[in-house]
């Protein structure tokens, strides 16, 4: 082979080596990118999706904006949609009113004053009558009495140099309910509809239910009844549950309704889906009738899931 031919041959080989080196480098870079992405995906937590559910909850047609199904026994979310979205609570606020009152006021009597009675939602209370505090709490939760909530807050009064509502907000923070705060003890909207009486996420209100059921279940016992009679010092009051489906779902442990113009229809129901197996169903931002339909659909889906 002549010197020129040797030189051409070497150049060809060198060119091939360069091409192979470049190709190898490209492959290594591509492999590194893929490996890096895979490692990053493994290291970073998976983003929680807006809708999470088991098969039984697929394709549910619900009117509520926010939905949460919490398995109390297994400490597990069965279904959720917009669970952290802060929404008006309406009369669900009275759950915190009852809790704060129970924790800060010993059993005694409450006298109804003229300041307690407001036009919205007359529940039959009269100025001057006296109630046992536990009976007034039960009555207020059962019939969703705005007058009763104001009377309860007034009976407790100031707590450690803070108002009753301030204590409600402090208690929400202590319980880790980060999206929850209150402007009044009843949950009523402001007259100009500029503000709700209470705010929170569906997760907040369900976990408040959960806390009460684990620490003081008797506080919500009355809300599992369709009707109860209450006696003040001067008259008997007949109280009917504002939860219209209280008798349509078996083994209800507790329930609470809420509705205002700002909130729409709200409802939380705790129910035993099996012996000693409580589940809490919550909907916010539904319609006055839709909230009941939503809860019934969620209950049927929960039963289907538990049976599997």
Protein backbone atom coordinates (compact mmCIF):
# COMPACT_ATOMS: atom_id res chain seq x y z
CA UNK A 1 0.00 0.00 0.00
CA UNK A 2 1.40 3.39 -1.02
CA UNK A 3 2.00 6.17 1.56
CA UNK A 4 -0.93 8.17 0.16
CA UNK A 5 -3.22 5.19 0.45
CA UNK A 6 -2.06 4.65 4.05
CA UNK A 7 -2.78 8.26 4.89
CA UNK A 8 -6.28 8.10 3.34
CA UNK A 9 -6.99 4.87 5.20
CA UNK A 10 -5.90 6.39 8.53
CA UNK A 11 -8.01 9.49 7.87
CA UNK A 12 -11.04 7.31 7.19
CA UNK A 13 -10.49 5.39 10.40
CA UNK A 14 -10.02 8.59 12.39
CA UNK A 15 -13.20 10.06 10.91
CA UNK A 16 -15.12 6.92 11.85
CA UNK A 17 -13.72 7.11 15.39
CA UNK A 18 -14.84 10.72 15.68
CA UNK A 19 -18.34 9.82 14.46
CA UNK A 20 -18.49 6.90 16.89
CA UNK A 21 -17.29 9.09 19.76
CA UNK A 22 -19.90 11.72 18.99
CA UNK A 23 -22.62 9.07 18.74
CA UNK A 24 -21.51 7.52 22.03
CA UNK A 25 -21.50 10.93 23.70
CA UNK A 26 -25.03 11.65 22.46
CA UNK A 27 -26.21 8.28 23.79
CA UNK A 28 -24.59 8.91 27.18
CA UNK A 29 -26.17 12.37 27.44
CA UNK A 30 -29.60 11.01 26.52
CA UNK A 31 -29.22 8.18 29.03
CA UNK A 32 -28.17 10.66 31.71
CA UNK A 33 -31.22 12.85 31.08
CA UNK A 34 -33.57 9.88 31.26
CA UNK A 35 -31.93 8.57 34.42
CA UNK A 36 -32.02 12.03 36.01
CA UNK A 37 -35.73 12.43 35.24
CA UNK A 38 -36.51 8.99 36.61
CA UNK A 39 -34.53 9.69 39.79
CA UNK A 40 -36.24 13.07 40.24
CA UNK A 41 -39.67 11.48 39.75
CA UNK A 42 -38.82 8.91 42.43
CA UNK A 43 -37.54 11.52 44.87
CA UNK A 44 -40.41 14.02 44.52
CA UNK A 45 -43.78 13.20 46.13
CA UNK A 46 -46.62 12.55 43.73
CA UNK A 47 -48.99 15.49 43.40
CA UNK A 48 -52.39 14.86 44.98
CA UNK A 49 -55.03 15.14 42.28
CA UNK A 50 -58.21 17.10 42.70
CA UNK A 51 -60.29 13.94 42.41
CA UNK A 52 -59.16 10.84 44.23
CA UNK A 53 -61.34 7.81 44.71
CA UNK A 54 -61.79 4.10 44.69
CA UNK A 55 -63.75 2.38 41.93
CA UNK A 56 -67.08 2.64 43.71
CA UNK A 57 -66.89 6.45 43.55
CA UNK A 58 -66.16 6.70 39.84
CA UNK A 59 -68.61 8.66 37.68
CA UNK A 60 -70.65 10.08 40.58
CA UNK A 61 -72.88 12.94 39.42
CA UNK A 62 -72.73 15.41 42.33
CA UNK A 63 -73.87 19.02 42.60
CA UNK A 64 -71.45 20.02 45.37
CA UNK A 65 -68.30 22.00 44.61
CA UNK A 66 -66.32 20.36 47.42
CA UNK A 67 -66.69 16.75 48.55
CA UNK A 68 -64.90 14.61 51.12
CA UNK A 69 -65.46 11.04 52.33
CA UNK A 70 -63.32 10.16 55.34
CA UNK A 71 -62.95 6.64 56.70
CA UNK A 72 -62.59 7.29 60.44
CA UNK A 73 -61.66 3.72 61.34
CA UNK A 74 -58.90 3.33 58.76
CA UNK A 75 -57.86 7.04 58.79
CA UNK A 76 -58.18 7.16 55.02
CA UNK A 77 -59.78 9.40 52.40
CA UNK A 78 -62.13 7.35 50.23
CA UNK A 79 -63.13 10.18 47.93
CA UNK A 80 -62.28 13.84 47.63
CA UNK A 81 -62.82 16.81 45.36
CA UNK A 82 -61.57 20.32 46.09
CA UNK A 83 -61.01 19.23 49.67
CA UNK A 84 -58.83 22.23 50.62
CA UNK A 85 -60.92 24.92 48.90
CA UNK A 86 -62.07 27.52 51.42
CA UNK A 87 -65.83 28.01 51.22
CA UNK A 88 -68.60 29.59 53.34
CA UNK A 89 -69.72 27.16 56.03
CA UNK A 90 -73.09 28.69 56.92
CA UNK A 91 -74.61 26.85 59.91
CA UNK A 92 -71.85 24.26 59.98
CA UNK A 93 -70.14 27.01 61.99
CA UNK A 94 -72.38 26.04 64.91
CA UNK A 95 -70.33 22.86 65.35
CA UNK A 96 -67.38 24.96 66.53
CA UNK A 97 -69.73 27.12 68.61
CA UNK A 98 -70.93 24.02 70.42
CA UNK A 99 -67.40 22.70 70.94
CA UNK A 100 -66.02 25.95 72.36
CA UNK A 101 -69.04 26.36 74.64
CA UNK A 102 -68.75 22.82 75.96
CA UNK A 103 -65.04 23.20 76.62
CA UNK A 104 -65.39 26.53 78.44
CA UNK A 105 -68.75 26.54 80.22
CA UNK A 106 -69.77 24.23 83.02
CA UNK A 107 -73.31 22.94 83.12
CA UNK A 108 -75.69 25.68 84.18
CA UNK A 109 -78.51 27.78 82.80
CA UNK A 110 -78.70 30.28 79.98
CA UNK A 111 -81.19 33.14 79.95
CA UNK A 112 -82.44 34.26 76.54
CA UNK A 113 -82.13 38.02 76.03
CA UNK A 114 -83.51 40.39 73.43
CA UNK A 115 -80.06 40.68 71.87
CA UNK A 116 -80.07 36.95 71.18
CA UNK A 117 -83.16 37.09 68.99
CA UNK A 118 -82.56 38.07 65.37
CA UNK A 119 -85.00 38.07 62.45
CA UNK A 120 -83.23 35.37 60.42
CA UNK A 121 -84.52 31.91 61.24
CA UNK A 122 -86.84 32.32 64.23
CA UNK A 123 -86.67 29.05 66.18
CA UNK A 124 -89.24 29.87 68.86
CA UNK A 125 -87.00 31.09 71.68
CA UNK A 126 -88.51 33.76 73.94
CA UNK A 127 -86.92 36.59 75.88
CA UNK A 128 -86.53 35.73 79.56
CA UNK A 129 -86.78 31.94 79.38
CA UNK A 130 -83.97 29.88 80.87
CA UNK A 131 -82.39 26.78 79.39
CA UNK A 132 -79.91 24.26 80.62
CA UNK A 133 -76.78 24.93 78.56
CA UNK A 134 -76.54 21.31 77.34
CA UNK A 135 -80.18 21.36 76.20
CA UNK A 136 -79.71 24.66 74.37
CA UNK A 137 -76.65 23.28 72.57
CA UNK A 138 -78.60 20.18 71.50
CA UNK A 139 -81.55 22.31 70.37
CA UNK A 140 -79.30 24.72 68.47
CA UNK A 141 -77.53 21.95 66.56
CA UNK A 142 -80.72 20.00 65.83
CA UNK A 143 -82.82 22.86 64.45
CA UNK A 144 -79.85 25.05 63.44
CA UNK A 145 -81.03 27.91 65.67
CA UNK A 146 -79.27 31.22 65.02
CA UNK A 147 -80.83 32.64 68.19
CA UNK A 148 -79.54 29.67 70.16
CA UNK A 149 -76.01 30.12 68.84
CA UNK A 150 -75.98 33.78 69.88
CA UNK A 151 -77.34 32.91 73.33
CA UNK A 152 -74.69 30.21 73.82
CA UNK A 153 -71.89 32.59 72.83
CA UNK A 154 -73.28 35.26 75.14
CA UNK A 155 -73.44 32.82 78.05
CA UNK A 156 -69.79 31.89 77.64
CA UNK A 157 -68.73 35.52 77.20
CA UNK A 158 -65.09 36.56 77.09
CA UNK A 159 -62.35 33.95 77.35
CA UNK A 160 -58.87 35.02 78.49
CA UNK A 161 -59.32 38.56 77.21
CA UNK A 162 -60.69 37.40 73.86
CA UNK A 163 -64.19 37.28 72.47
CA UNK A 164 -66.09 34.05 71.88
CA UNK A 165 -65.50 34.27 68.12
CA UNK A 166 -61.78 34.86 68.67
CA UNK A 167 -61.71 31.71 70.77
CA UNK A 168 -63.48 29.83 67.95
CA UNK A 169 -60.73 30.91 65.58
CA UNK A 170 -58.01 30.04 68.04
CA UNK A 171 -59.50 26.59 68.53
CA UNK A 172 -59.58 26.02 64.77
CA UNK A 173 -55.84 26.77 64.57
CA UNK A 174 -55.10 24.51 67.54
CA UNK A 175 -56.85 21.66 65.75
CA UNK A 176 -54.88 22.25 62.54
CA UNK A 177 -57.91 23.42 60.56
CA UNK A 178 -55.90 25.90 58.52
CA UNK A 179 -58.66 27.10 56.16
CA UNK A 180 -61.24 27.66 58.91
CA UNK A 181 -62.16 30.96 60.55
CA UNK A 182 -65.31 32.60 61.87
CA UNK A 183 -66.96 36.02 61.96
CA UNK A 184 -69.92 35.10 64.18
CA UNK A 185 -71.16 32.06 66.15
CA UNK A 186 -74.13 31.25 63.88
CA UNK A 187 -72.58 31.22 60.39
CA UNK A 188 -75.04 33.78 59.03
CA UNK A 189 -73.96 35.91 56.07
CA UNK A 190 -73.51 39.65 56.55
CA UNK A 191 -76.64 41.61 55.63
CA UNK A 192 -75.01 42.94 52.47
CA UNK A 193 -73.73 39.45 51.56
CA UNK A 194 -70.18 40.77 51.64
CA UNK A 195 -68.95 38.13 54.05
CA UNK A 196 -69.98 34.78 55.46
CA UNK A 197 -70.26 34.06 59.16
CA UNK A 198 -67.72 31.27 58.83
CA UNK A 199 -65.31 29.79 56.32
CA UNK A 200 -63.49 26.50 55.96
CA UNK A 201 -62.71 23.64 53.63
CA UNK A 202 -64.74 20.46 53.45
CA UNK A 203 -61.71 18.68 54.86
CA UNK A 204 -61.69 21.09 57.83
CA UNK A 205 -65.32 20.53 58.77
CA UNK A 206 -65.13 16.76 58.33
CA UNK A 207 -62.05 16.56 60.54
CA UNK A 208 -63.74 18.79 63.13
CA UNK A 209 -66.56 16.22 63.16
CA UNK A 210 -63.95 13.48 63.48
CA UNK A 211 -62.28 15.21 66.44
CA UNK A 212 -65.57 15.64 68.31
CA UNK A 213 -66.67 12.05 67.66
CA UNK A 214 -63.38 10.79 69.09
CA UNK A 215 -63.19 13.11 72.10
CA UNK A 216 -66.76 14.07 73.02
CA UNK A 217 -69.30 12.07 70.96
CA UNK A 218 -72.22 13.02 73.20
CA UNK A 219 -71.96 16.59 71.91
CA UNK A 220 -73.42 15.52 68.55
CA UNK A 221 -75.86 12.82 69.72
CA UNK A 222 -78.96 14.98 69.28
CA UNK A 223 -78.15 15.55 65.60
CA UNK A 224 -78.75 11.86 64.89
CA UNK A 225 -82.44 12.18 65.91
CA UNK A 226 -85.27 13.22 63.62
CA UNK A 227 -86.99 15.19 66.40
CA UNK A 228 -86.69 15.92 70.11
CA UNK A 229 -88.65 17.82 72.75
CA UNK A 230 -86.90 20.38 74.97
CA UNK A 231 -88.11 22.09 78.11
CA UNK A 232 -87.07 25.54 79.23
CA UNK A 233 -88.28 26.93 82.53
CA UNK A 234 -91.50 28.23 80.97
CA UNK A 235 -92.37 26.17 77.88
CA UNK A 236 -91.72 23.07 75.82
CA UNK A 237 -90.01 23.37 72.45
CA UNK A 238 -90.39 20.82 69.68
CA UNK A 239 -87.24 20.50 67.64
CA UNK A 240 -87.05 18.88 64.20
CA UNK A 241 -83.81 17.96 62.50
CA UNK A 242 -82.95 20.16 59.52
CA UNK A 243 -81.37 17.10 57.90
CA UNK A 244 -84.28 15.86 55.77
CA UNK A 245 -82.70 12.48 55.06
CA UNK A 246 -81.93 11.64 58.69
CA UNK A 247 -84.22 8.59 58.50
CA UNK A 248 -83.22 7.58 54.96
CA UNK A 249 -79.69 6.55 55.90
CA UNK A 250 -79.33 3.84 58.57
CA UNK A 251 -77.02 4.08 61.58
CA UNK A 252 -76.40 7.84 61.43
CA UNK A 253 -74.09 8.94 64.25
CA UNK A 254 -74.28 12.70 63.72
CA UNK A 255 -75.24 15.27 61.08
CA UNK A 256 -75.36 19.01 60.48
CA UNK A 257 -76.84 21.12 57.71
CA UNK A 258 -75.92 24.57 56.51
CA UNK A 259 -77.41 26.95 53.95
CA UNK A 260 -77.05 30.64 53.12
CA UNK A 261 -77.01 32.63 49.90
CA UNK A 262 -73.21 32.74 49.92
CA UNK A 263 -72.64 29.14 50.98
CA UNK A 264 -75.25 27.27 49.00
CA UNK A 265 -76.20 23.89 50.43
CA UNK A 266 -73.83 22.23 52.92
CA UNK A 267 -74.20 18.94 54.76
CA UNK A 268 -72.00 16.66 56.87
CA UNK A 269 -73.14 13.21 58.00
CA UNK A 270 -71.29 10.66 60.11
CA UNK A 271 -72.56 7.11 59.71
CA UNK A 272 -71.59 3.59 60.73
CA UNK A 273 -71.18 1.70 57.45
CA UNK A 274 -70.42 -1.50 59.36
CA UNK A 275 -70.22 -2.40 63.06
CA UNK A 276 -67.81 0.08 64.70
CA UNK A 277 -66.81 1.46 61.31
CA UNK A 278 -67.71 5.17 61.15
CA UNK A 279 -67.33 7.16 57.94
CA UNK A 280 -67.93 10.90 57.58
CA UNK A 281 -69.46 12.31 54.38
CA UNK A 282 -69.24 16.03 53.66
CA UNK A 283 -70.39 18.33 50.85
CA UNK A 284 -70.03 22.10 50.49
CA UNK A 285 -71.41 24.40 47.80
CA UNK A 286 -74.29 22.23 46.66
CA UNK A 287 -77.91 23.34 46.34
CA UNK A 288 -80.60 23.25 49.07
CA UNK A 289 -81.94 19.92 47.77
CA UNK A 290 -78.80 18.74 45.97
CA UNK A 291 -76.83 18.42 49.22
CA UNK A 292 -79.17 15.64 50.34
CA UNK A 293 -78.95 13.84 46.99
CA UNK A 294 -75.16 14.19 47.05
CA UNK A 295 -74.87 12.63 50.49
CA UNK A 296 -77.17 9.74 49.56
CA UNK A 297 -75.04 9.00 46.48
CA UNK A 298 -71.86 9.16 48.52
CA UNK A 299 -73.36 6.86 51.13
CA UNK A 300 -74.34 4.23 48.54
CA UNK A 301 -70.88 4.40 46.97
CA UNK A 302 -69.27 4.03 50.40
CA UNK A 303 -71.35 0.96 51.21
CA UNK A 304 -70.42 -0.55 47.84
CA UNK A 305 -66.74 0.10 48.52
CA UNK A 306 -66.83 -1.33 52.06
CA UNK A 307 -68.57 -4.50 50.88
CA UNK A 308 -65.76 -5.13 48.41
